N, C-alpha and C. Protein backbone atom coordinates (compact mmCIF):
# COMPACT_ATOMS: atom_id res chain seq x y z
N MET A 1 1.92 9.95 26.22
CA MET A 1 2.35 10.20 24.86
C MET A 1 1.44 11.26 24.25
N PHE A 2 2.00 12.14 23.49
CA PHE A 2 1.26 13.25 22.90
C PHE A 2 1.28 13.13 21.38
N TRP A 3 0.13 13.12 20.77
CA TRP A 3 0.02 12.97 19.32
C TRP A 3 -0.49 14.27 18.72
N ILE A 4 0.09 14.65 17.61
CA ILE A 4 -0.37 15.81 16.88
C ILE A 4 -0.70 15.36 15.46
N ILE A 5 -1.91 15.68 15.04
CA ILE A 5 -2.32 15.40 13.66
C ILE A 5 -2.66 16.74 13.03
N ILE A 6 -2.02 17.03 11.93
CA ILE A 6 -2.22 18.30 11.25
C ILE A 6 -2.98 18.02 9.96
N TRP A 7 -4.14 18.66 9.81
CA TRP A 7 -4.91 18.48 8.59
C TRP A 7 -5.55 19.80 8.17
N ARG A 8 -5.99 19.81 6.95
CA ARG A 8 -6.72 20.95 6.41
C ARG A 8 -7.89 20.39 5.63
N GLY A 9 -9.04 20.98 5.77
CA GLY A 9 -10.23 20.51 5.06
C GLY A 9 -10.64 19.12 5.53
N TRP A 10 -10.84 18.24 4.58
CA TRP A 10 -11.26 16.87 4.87
C TRP A 10 -10.08 15.90 4.95
N GLY A 11 -8.88 16.39 5.09
CA GLY A 11 -7.69 15.55 5.11
C GLY A 11 -7.64 14.54 6.24
N PHE A 12 -8.34 14.83 7.34
CA PHE A 12 -8.33 13.88 8.46
C PHE A 12 -9.01 12.57 8.10
N LEU A 13 -9.78 12.54 7.01
CA LEU A 13 -10.47 11.31 6.61
C LEU A 13 -9.51 10.21 6.14
N VAL A 14 -8.27 10.55 5.88
CA VAL A 14 -7.29 9.54 5.46
C VAL A 14 -7.17 8.45 6.53
N VAL A 15 -7.13 8.84 7.79
CA VAL A 15 -6.94 7.88 8.88
C VAL A 15 -8.12 6.90 8.98
N PRO A 16 -9.37 7.35 9.05
CA PRO A 16 -10.47 6.36 9.11
C PRO A 16 -10.62 5.54 7.84
N LEU A 17 -10.24 6.09 6.69
CA LEU A 17 -10.32 5.31 5.45
C LEU A 17 -9.30 4.18 5.45
N VAL A 18 -8.11 4.43 5.95
CA VAL A 18 -7.11 3.36 6.07
C VAL A 18 -7.59 2.32 7.09
N PHE A 19 -8.18 2.78 8.18
CA PHE A 19 -8.71 1.85 9.19
C PHE A 19 -9.82 0.99 8.59
N ALA A 20 -10.68 1.57 7.77
CA ALA A 20 -11.74 0.79 7.11
C ALA A 20 -11.14 -0.25 6.16
N ALA A 21 -10.06 0.11 5.49
CA ALA A 21 -9.39 -0.84 4.59
C ALA A 21 -8.76 -1.98 5.39
N VAL A 22 -8.21 -1.69 6.57
CA VAL A 22 -7.63 -2.73 7.41
C VAL A 22 -8.72 -3.71 7.86
N ILE A 23 -9.87 -3.19 8.22
CA ILE A 23 -10.98 -4.06 8.63
C ILE A 23 -11.44 -4.93 7.46
N ALA A 24 -11.62 -4.33 6.29
CA ALA A 24 -12.05 -5.10 5.12
C ALA A 24 -11.02 -6.15 4.72
N GLY A 25 -9.75 -5.78 4.73
CA GLY A 25 -8.69 -6.73 4.40
C GLY A 25 -8.58 -7.86 5.41
N SER A 26 -8.80 -7.54 6.68
CA SER A 26 -8.76 -8.58 7.71
C SER A 26 -9.92 -9.55 7.57
N LEU A 27 -11.09 -9.03 7.23
CA LEU A 27 -12.24 -9.91 7.00
C LEU A 27 -11.98 -10.86 5.83
N LEU A 28 -11.35 -10.34 4.78
CA LEU A 28 -10.99 -11.18 3.65
C LEU A 28 -9.98 -12.25 4.06
N ALA A 29 -8.99 -11.86 4.84
CA ALA A 29 -7.96 -12.81 5.28
C ALA A 29 -8.56 -13.89 6.18
N PHE A 30 -9.46 -13.52 7.08
CA PHE A 30 -10.10 -14.52 7.93
C PHE A 30 -10.93 -15.48 7.11
N GLY A 31 -11.60 -14.96 6.09
CA GLY A 31 -12.39 -15.82 5.22
C GLY A 31 -11.53 -16.80 4.44
N LEU A 32 -10.41 -16.32 3.92
CA LEU A 32 -9.50 -17.20 3.19
C LEU A 32 -8.88 -18.24 4.11
N GLN A 33 -8.56 -17.84 5.32
CA GLN A 33 -7.97 -18.78 6.27
C GLN A 33 -8.98 -19.86 6.65
N ALA A 34 -10.25 -19.49 6.77
CA ALA A 34 -11.29 -20.46 7.08
C ALA A 34 -11.50 -21.44 5.93
N LEU A 35 -11.22 -21.01 4.71
CA LEU A 35 -11.35 -21.89 3.55
C LEU A 35 -10.14 -22.83 3.39
N GLY A 36 -9.11 -22.63 4.19
CA GLY A 36 -7.94 -23.51 4.13
C GLY A 36 -6.88 -23.08 3.13
N VAL A 37 -6.89 -21.84 2.76
CA VAL A 37 -5.88 -21.32 1.83
C VAL A 37 -4.53 -21.30 2.56
N PRO A 38 -3.41 -21.63 1.88
CA PRO A 38 -2.10 -21.60 2.53
C PRO A 38 -1.80 -20.24 3.18
N LYS A 39 -1.07 -20.30 4.29
CA LYS A 39 -0.86 -19.11 5.10
C LYS A 39 -0.16 -17.97 4.34
N TYR A 40 0.84 -18.30 3.52
CA TYR A 40 1.54 -17.21 2.82
C TYR A 40 0.62 -16.52 1.82
N LEU A 41 -0.32 -17.25 1.23
CA LEU A 41 -1.28 -16.61 0.33
C LEU A 41 -2.28 -15.75 1.09
N VAL A 42 -2.61 -16.16 2.30
CA VAL A 42 -3.48 -15.33 3.15
C VAL A 42 -2.78 -14.02 3.48
N VAL A 43 -1.48 -14.09 3.78
CA VAL A 43 -0.72 -12.87 4.09
C VAL A 43 -0.64 -11.97 2.85
N VAL A 44 -0.43 -12.57 1.69
CA VAL A 44 -0.39 -11.80 0.44
C VAL A 44 -1.73 -11.11 0.20
N ALA A 45 -2.81 -11.86 0.37
CA ALA A 45 -4.14 -11.28 0.16
C ALA A 45 -4.42 -10.19 1.18
N TRP A 46 -3.97 -10.37 2.41
CA TRP A 46 -4.21 -9.38 3.46
C TRP A 46 -3.48 -8.07 3.16
N THR A 47 -2.17 -8.15 2.89
CA THR A 47 -1.42 -6.92 2.63
C THR A 47 -1.87 -6.26 1.33
N GLY A 48 -2.10 -7.07 0.31
CA GLY A 48 -2.53 -6.51 -0.96
C GLY A 48 -3.89 -5.85 -0.89
N SER A 49 -4.83 -6.50 -0.23
CA SER A 49 -6.17 -5.93 -0.16
C SER A 49 -6.20 -4.66 0.67
N ILE A 50 -5.42 -4.62 1.75
CA ILE A 50 -5.38 -3.41 2.57
C ILE A 50 -4.81 -2.25 1.76
N SER A 51 -3.70 -2.48 1.08
CA SER A 51 -3.09 -1.38 0.34
C SER A 51 -3.95 -0.93 -0.84
N ILE A 52 -4.52 -1.88 -1.56
CA ILE A 52 -5.35 -1.52 -2.71
C ILE A 52 -6.62 -0.82 -2.25
N LEU A 53 -7.29 -1.39 -1.24
CA LEU A 53 -8.53 -0.77 -0.76
C LEU A 53 -8.29 0.60 -0.15
N ALA A 54 -7.24 0.74 0.64
CA ALA A 54 -6.95 2.05 1.23
C ALA A 54 -6.67 3.08 0.15
N GLY A 55 -5.88 2.70 -0.84
CA GLY A 55 -5.60 3.62 -1.94
C GLY A 55 -6.87 4.01 -2.70
N LEU A 56 -7.71 3.03 -2.98
CA LEU A 56 -8.95 3.32 -3.70
C LEU A 56 -9.91 4.16 -2.87
N PHE A 57 -10.05 3.82 -1.59
CA PHE A 57 -10.93 4.61 -0.71
C PHE A 57 -10.49 6.06 -0.67
N ILE A 58 -9.19 6.28 -0.48
CA ILE A 58 -8.67 7.65 -0.37
C ILE A 58 -8.81 8.38 -1.70
N TRP A 59 -8.46 7.71 -2.81
CA TRP A 59 -8.50 8.36 -4.12
C TRP A 59 -9.91 8.82 -4.48
N PHE A 60 -10.88 7.91 -4.34
CA PHE A 60 -12.25 8.26 -4.75
C PHE A 60 -12.91 9.23 -3.77
N THR A 61 -12.54 9.17 -2.50
CA THR A 61 -13.05 10.16 -1.56
C THR A 61 -12.50 11.54 -1.88
N ALA A 62 -11.21 11.61 -2.18
CA ALA A 62 -10.61 12.90 -2.54
C ALA A 62 -11.22 13.45 -3.83
N LYS A 63 -11.46 12.56 -4.81
CA LYS A 63 -12.09 13.01 -6.06
C LYS A 63 -13.49 13.55 -5.80
N ALA A 64 -14.26 12.84 -4.96
CA ALA A 64 -15.63 13.27 -4.68
C ALA A 64 -15.65 14.59 -3.92
N LEU A 65 -14.72 14.78 -3.00
CA LEU A 65 -14.69 16.02 -2.23
C LEU A 65 -14.15 17.19 -3.05
N SER A 66 -13.41 16.91 -4.11
CA SER A 66 -12.85 17.97 -4.95
C SER A 66 -13.82 18.46 -6.02
N ARG A 67 -14.91 17.74 -6.20
CA ARG A 67 -15.89 18.16 -7.21
C ARG A 67 -16.57 19.44 -6.78
N GLY A 68 -17.01 20.16 -7.72
CA GLY A 68 -17.72 21.39 -7.41
C GLY A 68 -17.47 22.41 -8.49
N PRO A 69 -18.14 23.51 -8.38
CA PRO A 69 -17.97 24.54 -9.42
C PRO A 69 -16.58 25.17 -9.35
N LYS A 70 -16.07 25.47 -10.52
CA LYS A 70 -14.79 26.17 -10.60
C LYS A 70 -15.06 27.67 -10.55
N ARG A 71 -14.23 28.36 -9.81
CA ARG A 71 -14.39 29.81 -9.72
C ARG A 71 -13.33 30.47 -10.57
N ARG A 72 -13.74 31.41 -11.36
CA ARG A 72 -12.82 32.17 -12.19
C ARG A 72 -12.62 33.55 -11.56
N LEU A 73 -11.37 33.84 -11.27
CA LEU A 73 -11.03 35.11 -10.64
C LEU A 73 -10.11 35.90 -11.55
N VAL A 74 -10.22 37.21 -11.47
CA VAL A 74 -9.38 38.09 -12.26
C VAL A 74 -8.65 39.04 -11.31
N ASP A 75 -7.34 39.09 -11.45
CA ASP A 75 -6.54 40.02 -10.66
C ASP A 75 -6.75 41.42 -11.22
N GLU A 76 -7.19 42.33 -10.36
CA GLU A 76 -7.51 43.69 -10.83
C GLU A 76 -6.29 44.46 -11.30
N ASP A 77 -5.14 44.22 -10.69
CA ASP A 77 -3.93 44.97 -11.05
C ASP A 77 -3.34 44.51 -12.38
N THR A 78 -3.25 43.21 -12.58
CA THR A 78 -2.57 42.69 -13.77
C THR A 78 -3.55 42.23 -14.85
N GLY A 79 -4.79 41.96 -14.48
CA GLY A 79 -5.75 41.45 -15.44
C GLY A 79 -5.61 39.96 -15.69
N GLN A 80 -4.72 39.31 -14.95
CA GLN A 80 -4.51 37.87 -15.14
C GLN A 80 -5.68 37.10 -14.55
N ARG A 81 -6.06 36.03 -15.27
CA ARG A 81 -7.20 35.22 -14.84
C ARG A 81 -6.72 33.96 -14.15
N TYR A 82 -7.44 33.57 -13.11
CA TYR A 82 -7.14 32.37 -12.35
C TYR A 82 -8.39 31.52 -12.26
N VAL A 83 -8.18 30.20 -12.28
CA VAL A 83 -9.28 29.27 -12.06
C VAL A 83 -8.99 28.56 -10.75
N VAL A 84 -9.91 28.67 -9.81
CA VAL A 84 -9.75 28.09 -8.49
C VAL A 84 -10.72 26.93 -8.36
N THR A 85 -10.19 25.76 -8.02
CA THR A 85 -11.03 24.59 -7.82
C THR A 85 -11.06 24.25 -6.33
N ARG A 86 -12.01 23.47 -5.96
CA ARG A 86 -12.17 23.06 -4.58
C ARG A 86 -11.13 22.00 -4.24
N SER A 87 -10.61 22.05 -3.02
CA SER A 87 -9.61 21.09 -2.58
C SER A 87 -10.22 20.14 -1.56
N ALA A 88 -9.81 18.87 -1.59
CA ALA A 88 -10.29 17.90 -0.62
C ALA A 88 -9.62 18.10 0.73
N GLY A 89 -8.48 18.74 0.76
CA GLY A 89 -7.77 18.96 2.00
C GLY A 89 -6.44 18.26 1.99
N SER A 90 -5.78 18.28 3.16
CA SER A 90 -4.46 17.66 3.26
C SER A 90 -4.28 17.09 4.66
N LEU A 91 -3.37 16.14 4.76
CA LEU A 91 -2.98 15.56 6.03
C LEU A 91 -1.46 15.68 6.12
N PHE A 92 -0.98 16.31 7.18
CA PHE A 92 0.45 16.58 7.34
C PHE A 92 1.02 17.30 6.11
N PHE A 93 0.28 18.26 5.61
CA PHE A 93 0.67 19.12 4.50
C PHE A 93 0.78 18.39 3.16
N ILE A 94 0.30 17.16 3.09
CA ILE A 94 0.30 16.40 1.85
C ILE A 94 -1.14 16.31 1.37
N PRO A 95 -1.42 16.75 0.13
CA PRO A 95 -2.80 16.68 -0.37
C PRO A 95 -3.37 15.26 -0.29
N MET A 96 -4.66 15.20 -0.03
CA MET A 96 -5.32 13.93 0.22
C MET A 96 -5.17 12.95 -0.94
N ARG A 97 -5.21 13.43 -2.17
CA ARG A 97 -5.12 12.52 -3.32
C ARG A 97 -3.77 11.82 -3.39
N PHE A 98 -2.70 12.45 -2.87
CA PHE A 98 -1.39 11.82 -2.89
C PHE A 98 -1.26 10.71 -1.84
N TRP A 99 -2.08 10.75 -0.80
CA TRP A 99 -2.05 9.70 0.21
C TRP A 99 -2.46 8.36 -0.37
N ALA A 100 -3.25 8.37 -1.43
CA ALA A 100 -3.62 7.11 -2.09
C ALA A 100 -2.37 6.39 -2.59
N PHE A 101 -1.41 7.13 -3.11
CA PHE A 101 -0.18 6.53 -3.60
C PHE A 101 0.79 6.22 -2.46
N ILE A 102 0.82 7.08 -1.45
CA ILE A 102 1.71 6.87 -0.31
C ILE A 102 1.33 5.59 0.43
N VAL A 103 0.05 5.31 0.52
CA VAL A 103 -0.43 4.11 1.21
C VAL A 103 -0.42 2.91 0.27
N GLY A 104 -0.81 3.11 -0.98
CA GLY A 104 -1.01 1.99 -1.90
C GLY A 104 0.26 1.38 -2.48
N VAL A 105 1.17 2.20 -2.93
CA VAL A 105 2.35 1.68 -3.64
C VAL A 105 3.27 0.85 -2.73
N PRO A 106 3.64 1.31 -1.53
CA PRO A 106 4.48 0.44 -0.68
C PRO A 106 3.79 -0.87 -0.32
N GLY A 107 2.48 -0.83 -0.14
CA GLY A 107 1.75 -2.06 0.15
C GLY A 107 1.79 -3.03 -1.00
N LEU A 108 1.70 -2.52 -2.21
CA LEU A 108 1.78 -3.39 -3.38
C LEU A 108 3.19 -3.96 -3.56
N VAL A 109 4.20 -3.18 -3.23
CA VAL A 109 5.58 -3.68 -3.32
C VAL A 109 5.79 -4.80 -2.31
N VAL A 110 5.32 -4.60 -1.08
CA VAL A 110 5.45 -5.65 -0.06
C VAL A 110 4.67 -6.89 -0.48
N THR A 111 3.50 -6.69 -1.05
CA THR A 111 2.70 -7.82 -1.53
C THR A 111 3.44 -8.60 -2.60
N ALA A 112 4.05 -7.90 -3.54
CA ALA A 112 4.80 -8.58 -4.60
C ALA A 112 6.00 -9.33 -4.02
N LEU A 113 6.68 -8.72 -3.06
CA LEU A 113 7.83 -9.40 -2.44
C LEU A 113 7.41 -10.65 -1.70
N ILE A 114 6.29 -10.60 -0.99
CA ILE A 114 5.81 -11.78 -0.27
C ILE A 114 5.35 -12.84 -1.26
N LEU A 115 4.68 -12.42 -2.32
CA LEU A 115 4.14 -13.37 -3.29
C LEU A 115 5.25 -14.11 -4.02
N PHE A 116 6.31 -13.40 -4.38
CA PHE A 116 7.38 -14.02 -5.16
C PHE A 116 8.53 -14.54 -4.29
N ALA A 117 8.46 -14.39 -2.98
CA ALA A 117 9.53 -14.87 -2.10
C ALA A 117 9.71 -16.39 -2.18
N PRO A 118 8.65 -17.20 -2.30
CA PRO A 118 8.90 -18.65 -2.42
C PRO A 118 9.66 -19.03 -3.69
N LEU A 119 9.67 -18.18 -4.69
CA LEU A 119 10.37 -18.48 -5.94
C LEU A 119 11.85 -18.16 -5.88
N LEU A 120 12.25 -17.36 -4.90
CA LEU A 120 13.66 -16.97 -4.80
C LEU A 120 14.47 -18.11 -4.20
N PRO A 121 15.71 -18.31 -4.66
CA PRO A 121 16.52 -19.39 -4.10
C PRO A 121 16.94 -19.07 -2.66
N ARG A 122 16.92 -20.07 -1.84
CA ARG A 122 17.37 -19.93 -0.46
C ARG A 122 18.86 -20.29 -0.40
N SER A 123 19.55 -19.89 0.64
CA SER A 123 20.99 -20.15 0.72
C SER A 123 21.27 -21.65 0.83
N GLY A 124 20.40 -22.42 1.43
CA GLY A 124 20.61 -23.85 1.55
C GLY A 124 20.19 -24.63 0.32
N ASP A 125 19.44 -23.99 -0.58
CA ASP A 125 18.93 -24.68 -1.77
C ASP A 125 19.97 -24.81 -2.87
N THR A 126 20.94 -23.95 -2.88
CA THR A 126 21.92 -23.97 -3.97
C THR A 126 23.28 -24.40 -3.43
N LEU A 127 24.04 -25.00 -4.28
CA LEU A 127 25.39 -25.43 -3.94
C LEU A 127 26.40 -24.63 -4.75
N ALA A 128 27.48 -24.33 -4.14
CA ALA A 128 28.55 -23.66 -4.87
C ALA A 128 29.18 -24.68 -5.82
N PRO A 129 29.77 -24.26 -6.93
CA PRO A 129 30.35 -25.20 -7.89
C PRO A 129 31.39 -26.11 -7.27
N ASP A 130 32.18 -25.64 -6.31
CA ASP A 130 33.19 -26.49 -5.69
C ASP A 130 32.56 -27.54 -4.79
N ASP A 131 31.45 -27.18 -4.14
CA ASP A 131 30.77 -28.12 -3.24
C ASP A 131 30.08 -29.23 -4.01
N ALA A 132 29.63 -28.96 -5.23
CA ALA A 132 28.90 -29.96 -6.00
C ALA A 132 29.83 -31.11 -6.39
N ALA A 133 31.11 -30.83 -6.63
CA ALA A 133 32.05 -31.87 -7.05
C ALA A 133 32.54 -32.68 -5.86
N ALA A 134 32.56 -32.10 -4.66
CA ALA A 134 33.08 -32.82 -3.49
C ALA A 134 32.02 -33.78 -2.98
N PRO A 135 32.42 -35.02 -2.62
CA PRO A 135 31.44 -35.97 -2.11
C PRO A 135 30.96 -35.55 -0.72
N SER A 136 29.72 -35.91 -0.39
CA SER A 136 29.19 -35.60 0.92
C SER A 136 29.83 -36.51 1.94
N SER A 137 29.64 -36.23 3.22
CA SER A 137 30.26 -37.04 4.27
C SER A 137 29.71 -38.45 4.28
N ALA A 138 28.43 -38.63 3.91
CA ALA A 138 27.84 -39.97 3.86
C ALA A 138 28.46 -40.76 2.71
N GLU A 139 28.71 -40.12 1.58
CA GLU A 139 29.31 -40.81 0.44
C GLU A 139 30.78 -41.13 0.74
N ALA A 140 31.47 -40.25 1.44
CA ALA A 140 32.87 -40.48 1.77
C ALA A 140 33.02 -41.65 2.76
N ALA A 141 32.07 -41.77 3.67
CA ALA A 141 32.13 -42.87 4.66
C ALA A 141 31.85 -44.20 4.02
N SER A 142 31.03 -44.25 3.00
CA SER A 142 30.70 -45.54 2.35
C SER A 142 31.82 -46.01 1.45
N GLN A 143 32.73 -45.13 1.05
CA GLN A 143 33.80 -45.54 0.14
C GLN A 143 34.92 -46.08 0.86
């Protein structure tokens, strides 16, 4: 198998930062599991912590790498002035700061879906209005 990773500047740091978040989230999940927390809450904590930590790691790393002096340039032909700031880089042509949202938001959505899934009605939990009026087979046999 052949893998190609395209980056510019410090953009390749997105991959190890996500890996660090997976390790931190897994350590949290193992700790919660050792404390006897219910399994679905461990899964919620695991997915949520990975997505939040990965987003935070990427965001603050991109902010730190983007700091620096701003350069003011003037176009000699038009006289127009430009302000050039330092870039943290990109991964697959996407700026590093946007990867915080690409990684974080879907993880938070999945976390919310897992967290609120026990509250959703299951197909066996509800009865159709016609079924509620009909006696069950056990009630029909006793009559």
